[in-house]
Amino acid sequence: MPVFDRVKETTVTTGTGDITLAGAVSNFQAFSDVFSVGDTTFYSIVSDDNGWETGIGTYSGLNTLSRTSVLESSNSGNKVSFTAGEKSVFVTYPASKSITSDQSIALSIALG
């Protein structure tokens, strides 16, 4: 699953459906700059007043990101029903999918 650095856009989408992306934040890339139709990636959506969500999304073109699978959220792991207002949508690498090493180079793999 591809992930890219510094991909972040805003949205004013409400509810639990697909996210309509409204353009890249200054000094960031747009999803359309790095993804093709049908590509999946890890994403996060953050609202200052309505919670957050991290999951696997599918870029469907036309500046739309489908919320394919929620990994974690402020709504007990379910899709958040976002209310009106601007939210940030960005590519992330969730801790539950990470591979890390300690100072002795022993690997740890999250199987969540």
PDB file of N, CA and C in Angstrom:
ATOM      1  N   MET A   1       0.857  -1.170   0.000  1.00  0.00           N
ATOM      2  CA  MET A   1       0.000   0.000   0.000  1.00  0.00           C
ATOM      3  C   MET A   1       0.902   1.230   0.000  1.00  0.00           C
ATOM      4  N   PRO A   2       0.766   2.082  -0.990  1.00  0.00           N
ATOM      5  CA  PRO A   2       1.653   3.245  -1.053  1.00  0.00           C
ATOM      6  C   PRO A   2       1.310   4.311  -0.014  1.00  0.00           C
ATOM      7  N   VAL A   3       2.350   4.907   0.531  1.00  0.00           N
ATOM      8  CA  VAL A   3       2.223   6.095   1.366  1.00  0.00           C
ATOM      9  C   VAL A   3       3.230   7.111   0.818  1.00  0.00           C
ATOM     10  N   PHE A   4       2.886   8.360   0.909  1.00  0.00           N
ATOM     11  CA  PHE A   4       3.756   9.429   0.422  1.00  0.00           C
ATOM     12  C   PHE A   4       3.877  10.489   1.497  1.00  0.00           C
ATOM     13  N   ASP A   5       4.979  11.206   1.452  1.00  0.00           N
ATOM     14  CA  ASP A   5       5.230  12.273   2.415  1.00  0.00           C
ATOM     15  C   ASP A   5       4.471  13.539   2.039  1.00  0.00           C
ATOM     16  N   ARG A   6       4.035  14.243   3.081  1.00  0.00           N
ATOM     17  CA  ARG A   6       3.475  15.587   2.961  1.00  0.00           C
ATOM     18  C   ARG A   6       2.298  15.654   1.988  1.00  0.00           C
ATOM     19  N   VAL A   7       1.340  14.770   2.184  1.00  0.00           N
ATOM     20  CA  VAL A   7       0.081  14.800   1.433  1.00  0.00           C
ATOM     21  C   VAL A   7      -1.006  15.196   2.417  1.00  0.00           C
ATOM     22  N   LYS A   8      -1.580  16.379   2.212  1.00  0.00           N
ATOM     23  CA  LYS A   8      -2.583  16.877   3.148  1.00  0.00           C
ATOM     24  C   LYS A   8      -3.508  17.851   2.427  1.00  0.00           C
ATOM     25  N   GLU A   9      -4.805  17.629   2.604  1.00  0.00           N
ATOM     26  CA  GLU A   9      -5.816  18.504   2.014  1.00  0.00           C
ATOM     27  C   GLU A   9      -6.862  18.852   3.068  1.00  0.00           C
ATOM     28  N   THR A  10      -7.730  19.753   2.706  1.00  0.00           N
ATOM     29  CA  THR A  10      -8.859  20.086   3.563  1.00  0.00           C
ATOM     30  C   THR A  10     -10.127  19.498   2.949  1.00  0.00           C
ATOM     31  N   THR A  11     -11.174  19.422   3.771  1.00  0.00           N
ATOM     32  CA  THR A  11     -12.491  19.006   3.303  1.00  0.00           C
ATOM     33  C   THR A  11     -13.550  19.670   4.166  1.00  0.00           C
ATOM     34  N   VAL A  12     -14.722  19.844   3.590  1.00  0.00           N
ATOM     35  CA  VAL A  12     -15.876  20.322   4.363  1.00  0.00           C
ATOM     36  C   VAL A  12     -16.995  19.284   4.304  1.00  0.00           C
ATOM     37  N   THR A  13     -16.633  18.059   3.888  1.00  0.00           N
ATOM     38  CA  THR A  13     -17.590  16.963   3.802  1.00  0.00           C
ATOM     39  C   THR A  13     -18.202  16.678   5.170  1.00  0.00           C
ATOM     40  N   THR A  14     -19.500  16.381   5.187  1.00  0.00           N
ATOM     41  CA  THR A  14     -20.185  16.012   6.424  1.00  0.00           C
ATOM     42  C   THR A  14     -20.661  14.562   6.333  1.00  0.00           C
ATOM     43  N   GLY A  15     -20.988  13.982   7.480  1.00  0.00           N
ATOM     44  CA  GLY A  15     -21.528  12.627   7.511  1.00  0.00           C
ATOM     45  C   GLY A  15     -20.449  11.564   7.520  1.00  0.00           C
ATOM     46  N   THR A  16     -20.825  10.349   7.054  1.00  0.00           N
ATOM     47  CA  THR A  16     -19.920   9.198   7.086  1.00  0.00           C
ATOM     48  C   THR A  16     -19.554   8.684   5.698  1.00  0.00           C
ATOM     49  N   GLY A  17     -19.876   9.431   4.668  1.00  0.00           N
ATOM     50  CA  GLY A  17     -19.613   8.977   3.301  1.00  0.00           C
ATOM     51  C   GLY A  17     -18.217   9.316   2.817  1.00  0.00           C
ATOM     52  N   ASP A  18     -18.059   9.220   1.498  1.00  0.00           N
ATOM     53  CA  ASP A  18     -16.791   9.546   0.866  1.00  0.00           C
ATOM     54  C   ASP A  18     -16.400  10.996   1.166  1.00  0.00           C
ATOM     55  N   ILE A  19     -15.102  11.240   1.174  1.00  0.00           N
ATOM     56  CA  ILE A  19     -14.569  12.569   1.473  1.00  0.00           C
ATOM     57  C   ILE A  19     -14.249  13.278   0.156  1.00  0.00           C
ATOM     58  N   THR A  20     -14.822  14.452  -0.026  1.00  0.00           N
ATOM     59  CA  THR A  20     -14.477  15.292  -1.164  1.00  0.00           C
ATOM     60  C   THR A  20     -13.316  16.179  -0.738  1.00  0.00           C
ATOM     61  N   LEU A  21     -12.200  16.031  -1.419  1.00  0.00           N
ATOM     62  CA  LEU A  21     -10.991  16.765  -1.072  1.00  0.00           C
ATOM     63  C   LEU A  21     -11.044  18.153  -1.693  1.00  0.00           C
ATOM     64  N   ALA A  22     -10.677  19.172  -0.909  1.00  0.00           N
ATOM     65  CA  ALA A  22     -10.859  20.559  -1.342  1.00  0.00           C
ATOM     66  C   ALA A  22      -9.562  21.261  -1.726  1.00  0.00           C
ATOM     67  N   GLY A  23      -8.467  20.536  -1.803  1.00  0.00           N
ATOM     68  CA  GLY A  23      -7.211  21.160  -2.205  1.00  0.00           C
ATOM     69  C   GLY A  23      -6.130  21.028  -1.156  1.00  0.00           C
ATOM     70  N   ALA A  24      -4.898  21.043  -1.634  1.00  0.00           N
ATOM     71  CA  ALA A  24      -3.747  20.862  -0.753  1.00  0.00           C
ATOM     72  C   ALA A  24      -3.552  22.063   0.160  1.00  0.00           C
ATOM     73  N   VAL A  25      -3.107  21.773   1.362  1.00  0.00           N
ATOM     74  CA  VAL A  25      -2.713  22.791   2.323  1.00  0.00           C
ATOM     75  C   VAL A  25      -1.361  23.342   1.859  1.00  0.00           C
ATOM     76  N   SER A  26      -1.079  24.582   2.149  1.00  0.00           N
ATOM     77  CA  SER A  26       0.182  25.206   1.755  1.00  0.00           C
ATOM     78  C   SER A  26       1.377  24.351   2.168  1.00  0.00           C
ATOM     79  N   ASN A  27       2.302  24.158   1.247  1.00  0.00           N
ATOM     80  CA  ASN A  27       3.526  23.365   1.447  1.00  0.00           C
ATOM     81  C   ASN A  27       3.279  21.867   1.542  1.00  0.00           C
ATOM     82  N   PHE A  28       2.115  21.389   1.085  1.00  0.00           N
ATOM     83  CA  PHE A  28       1.799  19.969   1.032  1.00  0.00           C
ATOM     84  C   PHE A  28       1.376  19.604  -0.392  1.00  0.00           C
ATOM     85  N   GLN A  29       1.362  18.308  -0.687  1.00  0.00           N
ATOM     86  CA  GLN A  29       0.891  17.799  -1.966  1.00  0.00           C
ATOM     87  C   GLN A  29      -0.588  17.447  -1.873  1.00  0.00           C
ATOM     88  N   ALA A  30      -1.268  17.462  -3.013  1.00  0.00           N
ATOM     89  CA  ALA A  30      -2.641  16.978  -3.097  1.00  0.00           C
ATOM     90  C   ALA A  30      -2.626  15.467  -3.319  1.00  0.00           C
ATOM     91  N   PHE A  31      -3.683  14.791  -2.932  1.00  0.00           N
ATOM     92  CA  PHE A  31      -3.810  13.356  -3.185  1.00  0.00           C
ATOM     93  C   PHE A  31      -3.653  13.068  -4.681  1.00  0.00           C
ATOM     94  N   SER A  32      -4.216  13.927  -5.519  1.00  0.00           N
ATOM     95  CA  SER A  32      -4.161  13.717  -6.970  1.00  0.00           C
ATOM     96  C   SER A  32      -2.750  13.846  -7.529  1.00  0.00           C
ATOM     97  N   ASP A  33      -1.838  14.454  -6.786  1.00  0.00           N
ATOM     98  CA  ASP A  33      -0.447  14.577  -7.231  1.00  0.00           C
ATOM     99  C   ASP A  33       0.293  13.250  -7.156  1.00  0.00           C
ATOM    100  N   VAL A  34      -0.137  12.353  -6.274  1.00  0.00           N
ATOM    101  CA  VAL A  34       0.632  11.131  -6.027  1.00  0.00           C
ATOM    102  C   VAL A  34      -0.159   9.835  -6.185  1.00  0.00           C
ATOM    103  N   PHE A  35      -1.501   9.901  -6.211  1.00  0.00           N
ATOM    104  CA  PHE A  35      -2.312   8.692  -6.315  1.00  0.00           C
ATOM    105  C   PHE A  35      -3.055   8.637  -7.644  1.00  0.00           C
ATOM    106  N   SER A  36      -3.279   7.419  -8.117  1.00  0.00           N
ATOM    107  CA  SER A  36      -4.099   7.171  -9.299  1.00  0.00           C
ATOM    108  C   SER A  36      -5.435   6.601  -8.853  1.00  0.00           C
ATOM    109  N   VAL A  37      -6.405   6.628  -9.724  1.00  0.00           N
ATOM    110  CA  VAL A  37      -7.729   6.075  -9.423  1.00  0.00           C
ATOM    111  C   VAL A  37      -7.585   4.613  -9.005  1.00  0.00           C
ATOM    112  N   GLY A  38      -8.191   4.265  -7.865  1.00  0.00           N
ATOM    113  CA  GLY A  38      -8.160   2.898  -7.354  1.00  0.00           C
ATOM    114  C   GLY A  38      -7.039   2.619  -6.363  1.00  0.00           C
ATOM    115  N   ASP A  39      -6.081   3.531  -6.222  1.00  0.00           N
ATOM    116  CA  ASP A  39      -5.006   3.344  -5.244  1.00  0.00           C
ATOM    117  C   ASP A  39      -5.578   3.409  -3.827  1.00  0.00           C
ATOM    118  N   THR A  40      -5.019   2.588  -2.945  1.00  0.00           N
ATOM    119  CA  THR A  40      -5.402   2.644  -1.534  1.00  0.00           C
ATOM    120  C   THR A  40      -4.224   3.171  -0.723  1.00  0.00           C
ATOM    121  N   THR A  41      -4.532   3.801   0.397  1.00  0.00           N
ATOM    122  CA  THR A  41      -3.501   4.332   1.285  1.00  0.00           C
ATOM    123  C   THR A  41      -4.058   4.464   2.688  1.00  0.00           C
ATOM    124  N   PHE A  42      -3.182   4.653   3.635  1.00  0.00           N
ATOM    125  CA  PHE A  42      -3.598   4.958   4.994  1.00  0.00           C
ATOM    126  C   PHE A  42      -3.898   6.452   5.071  1.00  0.00           C
ATOM    127  N   TYR A  43      -4.975   6.805   5.732  1.00  0.00           N
ATOM    128  CA  TYR A  43      -5.372   8.208   5.849  1.00  0.00           C
ATOM    129  C   TYR A  43      -5.774   8.520   7.285  1.00  0.00           C
ATOM    130  N   SER A  44      -5.839   9.797   7.570  1.00  0.00           N
ATOM    131  CA  SER A  44      -6.418  10.266   8.819  1.00  0.00           C
ATOM    132  C   SER A  44      -7.234  11.514   8.513  1.00  0.00           C
ATOM    133  N   ILE A  45      -8.350  11.660   9.204  1.00  0.00           N
ATOM    134  CA  ILE A  45      -9.196  12.853   9.114  1.00  0.00           C
ATOM    135  C   ILE A  45      -9.287  13.413  10.523  1.00  0.00           C
ATOM    136  N   VAL A  46      -9.068  14.715  10.644  1.00  0.00           N
ATOM    137  CA  VAL A  46      -9.105  15.357  11.953  1.00  0.00           C
ATOM    138  C   VAL A  46      -9.992  16.590  11.876  1.00  0.00           C
ATOM    139  N   SER A  47     -10.910  16.679  12.832  1.00  0.00           N
ATOM    140  CA  SER A  47     -11.771  17.846  12.975  1.00  0.00           C
ATOM    141  C   SER A  47     -11.490  18.462  14.329  1.00  0.00           C
ATOM    142  N   ASP A  48     -11.345  19.771  14.372  1.00  0.00           N
ATOM    143  CA  ASP A  48     -11.060  20.426  15.654  1.00  0.00           C
ATOM    144  C   ASP A  48     -12.158  20.203  16.683  1.00  0.00           C
ATOM    145  N   ASP A  49     -13.402  20.055  16.226  1.00  0.00           N
ATOM    146  CA  ASP A  49     -14.503  19.966  17.185  1.00  0.00           C
ATOM    147  C   ASP A  49     -15.362  18.704  17.055  1.00  0.00           C
ATOM    148  N   ASN A  50     -14.968  17.757  16.176  1.00  0.00           N
ATOM    149  CA  ASN A  50     -15.847  16.618  15.935  1.00  0.00           C
ATOM    150  C   ASN A  50     -15.128  15.284  15.844  1.00  0.00           C
ATOM    151  N   GLY A  51     -13.919  15.192  16.387  1.00  0.00           N
ATOM    152  CA  GLY A  51     -13.259  13.901  16.435  1.00  0.00           C
ATOM    153  C   GLY A  51     -12.246  13.653  15.344  1.00  0.00           C
ATOM    154  N   TRP A  52     -11.837  12.381  15.252  1.00  0.00           N
ATOM    155  CA  TRP A  52     -10.797  11.969  14.316  1.00  0.00           C
ATOM    156  C   TRP A  52     -11.020  10.533  13.885  1.00  0.00           C
ATOM    157  N   GLU A  53     -10.357  10.179  12.785  1.00  0.00           N
ATOM    158  CA  GLU A  53     -10.498   8.835  12.222  1.00  0.00           C
ATOM    159  C   GLU A  53      -9.223   8.499  11.449  1.00  0.00           C
ATOM    160  N   THR A  54      -8.739   7.262  11.595  1.00  0.00           N
ATOM    161  CA  THR A  54      -7.604   6.755  10.836  1.00  0.00           C
ATOM    162  C   THR A  54      -8.044   5.454  10.177  1.00  0.00           C
ATOM    163  N   GLY A  55      -7.685   5.288   8.907  1.00  0.00           N
ATOM    164  CA  GLY A  55      -8.129   4.084   8.219  1.00  0.00           C
ATOM    165  C   GLY A  55      -7.422   3.855   6.908  1.00  0.00           C
ATOM    166  N   ILE A  56      -8.024   2.991   6.108  1.00  0.00           N
ATOM    167  CA  ILE A  56      -7.563   2.709   4.758  1.00  0.00           C
ATOM    168  C   ILE A  56      -8.568   3.346   3.812  1.00  0.00           C
ATOM    169  N   GLY A  57      -8.064   4.168   2.915  1.00  0.00           N
ATOM    170  CA  GLY A  57      -8.930   4.858   1.976  1.00  0.00           C
ATOM    171  C   GLY A  57      -8.570   4.503   0.550  1.00  0.00           C
ATOM    172  N   THR A  58      -9.537   4.642  -0.337  1.00  0.00           N
ATOM    173  CA  THR A  58      -9.332   4.401  -1.761  1.00  0.00           C
ATOM    174  C   THR A  58      -9.529   5.703  -2.508  1.00  0.00           C
ATOM    175  N   TYR A  59      -8.507   6.101  -3.260  1.00  0.00           N
ATOM    176  CA  TYR A  59      -8.607   7.324  -4.047  1.00  0.00           C
ATOM    177  C   TYR A  59      -9.434   7.012  -5.285  1.00  0.00           C
ATOM    178  N   SER A  60     -10.581   7.683  -5.397  1.00  0.00           N
ATOM    179  CA  SER A  60     -11.492   7.370  -6.492  1.00  0.00           C
ATOM    180  C   SER A  60     -11.480   8.411  -7.599  1.00  0.00           C
ATOM    181  N   GLY A  61     -10.463   9.237  -7.615  1.00  0.00           N
ATOM    182  CA  GLY A  61     -10.403  10.267  -8.648  1.00  0.00           C
ATOM    183  C   GLY A  61     -11.389  11.372  -8.337  1.00  0.00           C
ATOM    184  N   LEU A  62     -11.458  12.342  -9.192  1.00  0.00           N
ATOM    185  CA  LEU A  62     -12.368  13.474  -9.003  1.00  0.00           C
ATOM    186  C   LEU A  62     -12.252  14.042  -7.597  1.00  0.00           C
ATOM    187  N   ASN A  63     -11.031  13.988  -7.042  1.00  0.00           N
ATOM    188  CA  ASN A  63     -10.753  14.521  -5.703  1.00  0.00           C
ATOM    189  C   ASN A  63     -11.622  13.910  -4.613  1.00  0.00           C
ATOM    190  N   THR A  64     -11.813  12.607  -4.683  1.00  0.00           N
ATOM    191  CA  THR A  64     -12.624  11.895  -3.693  1.00  0.00           C
ATOM    192  C   THR A  64     -11.823  10.761  -3.060  1.00  0.00           C
ATOM    193  N   LEU A  65     -11.945  10.627  -1.739  1.00  0.00           N
ATOM    194  CA  LEU A  65     -11.328   9.537  -1.004  1.00  0.00           C
ATOM    195  C   LEU A  65     -12.433   8.739  -0.321  1.00  0.00           C
ATOM    196  N   SER A  66     -12.560   7.463  -0.693  1.00  0.00           N
ATOM    197  CA  SER A  66     -13.547   6.584  -0.053  1.00  0.00           C
ATOM    198  C   SER A  66     -12.958   6.055   1.247  1.00  0.00           C
ATOM    199  N   ARG A  67     -13.755   6.077   2.295  1.00  0.00           N
ATOM    200  CA  ARG A  67     -13.328   5.580   3.604  1.00  0.00           C
ATOM    201  C   ARG A  67     -13.578   4.071   3.637  1.00  0.00           C
ATOM    202  N   THR A  68     -12.639   3.305   3.075  1.00  0.00           N
ATOM    203  CA  THR A  68     -12.804   1.875   2.853  1.00  0.00           C
ATOM    204  C   THR A  68     -12.886   1.080   4.146  1.00  0.00           C
ATOM    205  N   SER A  69     -11.980   1.368   5.080  1.00  0.00           N
ATOM    206  CA  SER A  69     -11.917   0.603   6.322  1.00  0.00           C
ATOM    207  C   SER A  69     -11.361   1.492   7.436  1.00  0.00           C
ATOM    208  N   VAL A  70     -12.062   1.562   8.561  1.00  0.00           N
ATOM    209  CA  VAL A  70     -11.603   2.364   9.699  1.00  0.00           C
ATOM    210  C   VAL A  70     -10.744   1.488  10.601  1.00  0.00           C
ATOM    211  N   LEU A  71      -9.561   1.975  10.951  1.00  0.00           N
ATOM    212  CA  LEU A  71      -8.664   1.255  11.850  1.00  0.00           C
ATOM    213  C   LEU A  71      -8.847   1.704  13.294  1.00  0.00           C
ATOM    214  N   GLU A  72      -8.972   3.011  13.494  1.00  0.00           N
ATOM    215  CA  GLU A  72      -9.200   3.597  14.816  1.00  0.00           C
ATOM    216  C   GLU A  72      -9.962   4.891  14.622  1.00  0.00           C
ATOM    217  N   SER A  73     -10.698   5.287  15.653  1.00  0.00           N
ATOM    218  CA  SER A  73     -11.391   6.575  15.576  1.00  0.00           C
ATOM    219  C   SER A  73     -11.842   7.009  16.964  1.00  0.00           C
ATOM    220  N   SER A  74     -12.269   8.248  17.022  1.00  0.00           N
ATOM    221  CA  SER A  74     -12.836   8.770  18.270  1.00  0.00           C
ATOM    222  C   SER A  74     -14.267   8.280  18.469  1.00  0.00           C
ATOM    223  N   ASN A  75     -14.764   7.476  17.523  1.00  0.00           N
ATOM    224  CA  ASN A  75     -16.105   6.905  17.588  1.00  0.00           C
ATOM    225  C   ASN A  75     -16.009   5.386  17.784  1.00  0.00           C
ATOM    226  N   SER A  76     -15.189   4.964  18.722  1.00  0.00           N
ATOM    227  CA  SER A  76     -15.020   3.542  19.069  1.00  0.00           C
ATOM    228  C   SER A  76     -14.653   2.674  17.873  1.00  0.00           C
ATOM    229  N   GLY A  77     -13.795   3.185  16.987  1.00  0.00           N
ATOM    230  CA  GLY A  77     -13.341   2.402  15.842  1.00  0.00           C
ATOM    231  C   GLY A  77     -14.292   2.394  14.664  1.00  0.00           C
ATOM    232  N   ASN A  78     -15.338   3.184  14.729  1.00  0.00           N
ATOM    233  CA  ASN A  78     -16.300   3.289  13.624  1.00  0.00           C
ATOM    234  C   ASN A  78     -16.097   4.603  12.888  1.00  0.00           C
ATOM    235  N   LYS A  79     -16.710   4.713  11.697  1.00  0.00           N
ATOM    236  CA  LYS A  79     -16.659   5.975  10.972  1.00  0.00           C
ATOM    237  C   LYS A  79     -17.231   7.087  11.839  1.00  0.00           C
ATOM    238  N   VAL A  80     -16.594   8.237  11.765  1.00  0.00           N
ATOM    239  CA  VAL A  80     -17.077   9.415  12.475  1.00  0.00           C
ATOM    240  C   VAL A  80     -18.053  10.141  11.564  1.00  0.00           C
ATOM    241  N   SER A  81     -19.183  10.541  12.113  1.00  0.00           N
ATOM    242  CA  SER A  81     -20.136  11.355  11.354  1.00  0.00           C
ATOM    243  C   SER A  81     -19.715  12.812  11.538  1.00  0.00           C
ATOM    244  N   PHE A  82     -18.935  13.295  10.586  1.00  0.00           N
ATOM    245  CA  PHE A  82     -18.391  14.647  10.704  1.00  0.00           C
ATOM    246  C   PHE A  82     -19.474  15.695  10.475  1.00  0.00           C
ATOM    247  N   THR A  83     -19.386  16.755  11.253  1.00  0.00           N
ATOM    248  CA  THR A  83     -20.317  17.868  11.137  1.00  0.00           C
ATOM    249  C   THR A  83     -19.701  18.945  10.250  1.00  0.00           C
ATOM    250  N   ALA A  84     -20.456  20.014  10.034  1.00  0.00           N
ATOM    251  CA  ALA A  84     -19.998  21.110   9.186  1.00  0.00           C
ATOM    252  C   ALA A  84     -18.697  21.700   9.714  1.00  0.00           C
ATOM    253  N   GLY A  85     -17.927  22.266   8.816  1.00  0.00           N
ATOM    254  CA  GLY A  85     -16.662  22.894   9.180  1.00  0.00           C
ATOM    255  C   GLY A  85     -15.511  22.236   8.458  1.00  0.00           C
ATOM    256  N   GLU A  86     -14.388  22.915   8.468  1.00  0.00           N
ATOM    257  CA  GLU A  86     -13.211  22.418   7.766  1.00  0.00           C
ATOM    258  C   GLU A  86     -12.486  21.352   8.586  1.00  0.00           C
ATOM    259  N   LYS A  87     -12.056  20.304   7.894  1.00  0.00           N
ATOM    260  CA  LYS A  87     -11.295  19.221   8.487  1.00  0.00           C
ATOM    261  C   LYS A  87     -10.020  19.010   7.678  1.00  0.00           C
ATOM    262  N   SER A  88      -9.012  18.407   8.293  1.00  0.00           N
ATOM    263  CA  SER A  88      -7.776  18.041   7.608  1.00  0.00           C
ATOM    264  C   SER A  88      -7.823  16.559   7.257  1.00  0.00           C
ATOM    265  N   VAL A  89      -7.373  16.223   6.043  1.00  0.00           N
ATOM    266  CA  VAL A  89      -7.284  14.839   5.575  1.00  0.00           C
ATOM    267  C   VAL A  89      -5.849  14.645   5.102  1.00  0.00           C
ATOM    268  N   PHE A  90      -5.172  13.625   5.631  1.00  0.00           N
ATOM    269  CA  PHE A  90      -3.774  13.454   5.259  1.00  0.00           C
ATOM    270  C   PHE A  90      -3.369  11.990   5.242  1.00  0.00           C
ATOM    271  N   VAL A  91      -2.282  11.711   4.529  1.00  0.00           N
ATOM    272  CA  VAL A  91      -1.697  10.377   4.479  1.00  0.00           C
ATOM    273  C   VAL A  91      -0.898  10.186   5.764  1.00  0.00           C
ATOM    274  N   THR A  92      -1.028   8.994   6.348  1.00  0.00           N
ATOM    275  CA  THR A  92      -0.324   8.694   7.596  1.00  0.00           C
ATOM    276  C   THR A  92       0.149   7.246   7.566  1.00  0.00           C
ATOM    277  N   TYR A  93       0.929   6.878   8.527  1.00  0.00           N
ATOM    278  CA  TYR A  93       1.367   5.493   8.690  1.00  0.00           C
ATOM    279  C   TYR A  93       0.946   5.065  10.084  1.00  0.00           C
ATOM    280  N   PRO A  94      -0.192   4.363  10.209  1.00  0.00           N
ATOM    281  CA  PRO A  94      -0.761   4.028  11.518  1.00  0.00           C
ATOM    282  C   PRO A  94       0.161   3.146  12.363  1.00  0.00           C
ATOM    283  N   ALA A  95       0.187   3.424  13.641  1.00  0.00           N
ATOM    284  CA  ALA A  95       1.005   2.642  14.565  1.00  0.00           C
ATOM    285  C   ALA A  95       0.660   1.160  14.502  1.00  0.00           C
ATOM    286  N   SER A  96      -0.622   0.833  14.317  1.00  0.00           N
ATOM    287  CA  SER A  96      -1.033  -0.580  14.302  1.00  0.00           C
ATOM    288  C   SER A  96      -0.501  -1.328  13.081  1.00  0.00           C
ATOM    289  N   LYS A  97       0.026  -0.627  12.111  1.00  0.00           N
ATOM    290  CA  LYS A  97       0.577  -1.256  10.898  1.00  0.00           C
ATOM    291  C   LYS A  97       2.090  -1.106  10.805  1.00  0.00           C
ATOM    292  N   SER A  98       2.711  -0.607  11.864  1.00  0.00           N
ATOM    293  CA  SER A  98       4.127  -0.265  11.797  1.00  0.00           C
ATOM    294  C   SER A  98       5.049  -1.431  12.154  1.00  0.00           C
ATOM    295  N   ILE A  99       6.268  -1.294  11.698  1.00  0.00           N
ATOM    296  CA  ILE A  99       7.368  -2.178  12.081  1.00  0.00           C
ATOM    297  C   ILE A  99       8.420  -1.258  12.689  1.00  0.00           C
ATOM    298  N   THR A 100       8.812  -1.532  13.907  1.00  0.00           N
ATOM    299  CA  THR A 100       9.775  -0.674  14.589  1.00  0.00           C
ATOM    300  C   THR A 100      10.923  -1.500  15.140  1.00  0.00           C
ATOM    301  N   SER A 101      11.986  -0.819  15.535  1.00  0.00           N
ATOM    302  CA  SER A 101      13.095  -1.512  16.194  1.00  0.00           C
ATOM    303  C   SER A 101      13.504  -0.717  17.423  1.00  0.00           C
ATOM    304  N   ASP A 102      14.034  -1.439  18.421  1.00  0.00           N
ATOM    305  CA  ASP A 102      14.524  -0.759  19.606  1.00  0.00           C
ATOM    306  C   ASP A 102      16.016  -0.449  19.410  1.00  0.00           C
ATOM    307  N   GLN A 103      16.672   0.049  20.423  1.00  0.00           N
ATOM    308  CA  GLN A 103      18.074   0.450  20.296  1.00  0.00           C
ATOM    309  C   GLN A 103      19.002  -0.717  19.980  1.00  0.00           C
ATOM    310  N   SER A 104      18.585  -1.937  20.307  1.00  0.00           N
ATOM    311  CA  SER A 104      19.425  -3.097  20.000  1.00  0.00           C
ATOM    312  C   SER A 104      19.099  -3.678  18.627  1.00  0.00           C
ATOM    313  N   ILE A 105      18.263  -2.997  17.865  1.00  0.00           N
ATOM    314  CA  ILE A 105      17.832  -3.386  16.518  1.00  0.00           C
ATOM    315  C   ILE A 105      16.925  -4.611  16.533  1.00  0.00           C
ATOM    316  N   ALA A 106      16.299  -4.905  17.658  1.00  0.00           N
ATOM    317  CA  ALA A 106      15.305  -5.977  17.718  1.00  0.00           C
ATOM    318  C   ALA A 106      14.020  -5.446  17.074  1.00  0.00           C
ATOM    319  N   LEU A 107      13.476  -6.177  16.134  1.00  0.00           N
ATOM    320  CA  LEU A 107      12.278  -5.726  15.422  1.00  0.00           C
ATOM    321  C   LEU A 107      11.009  -6.048  16.184  1.00  0.00           C
ATOM    322  N   SER A 108      10.041  -5.147  16.050  1.00  0.00           N
ATOM    323  CA  SER A 108       8.711  -5.330  16.607  1.00  0.00           C
ATOM    324  C   SER A 108       7.712  -5.129  15.491  1.00  0.00           C
ATOM    325  N   ILE A 109       6.815  -6.052  15.298  1.00  0.00           N
ATOM    326  CA  ILE A 109       5.826  -5.950  14.231  1.00  0.00           C
ATOM    327  C   ILE A 109       4.437  -5.907  14.860  1.00  0.00           C
ATOM    328  N   ALA A 110       3.690  -4.835  14.547  1.00  0.00           N
ATOM    329  CA  ALA A 110       2.314  -4.700  15.027  1.00  0.00           C
ATOM    330  C   ALA A 110       1.414  -5.519  14.108  1.00  0.00           C
ATOM    331  N   LEU A 111       0.631  -6.403  14.664  1.00  0.00           N
ATOM    332  CA  LEU A 111      -0.222  -7.266  13.858  1.00  0.00           C
ATOM    333  C   LEU A 111      -1.691  -6.879  13.972  1.00  0.00           C
ATOM    334  N   GLY A 112      -1.974  -5.624  14.207  1.00  0.00           N
ATOM    335  CA  GLY A 112      -3.345  -5.162  14.379  1.00  0.00           C
ATOM    336  C   GLY A 112      -4.036  -4.813  13.128  1.00  0.00           C
TER     337      GLY A 112
END
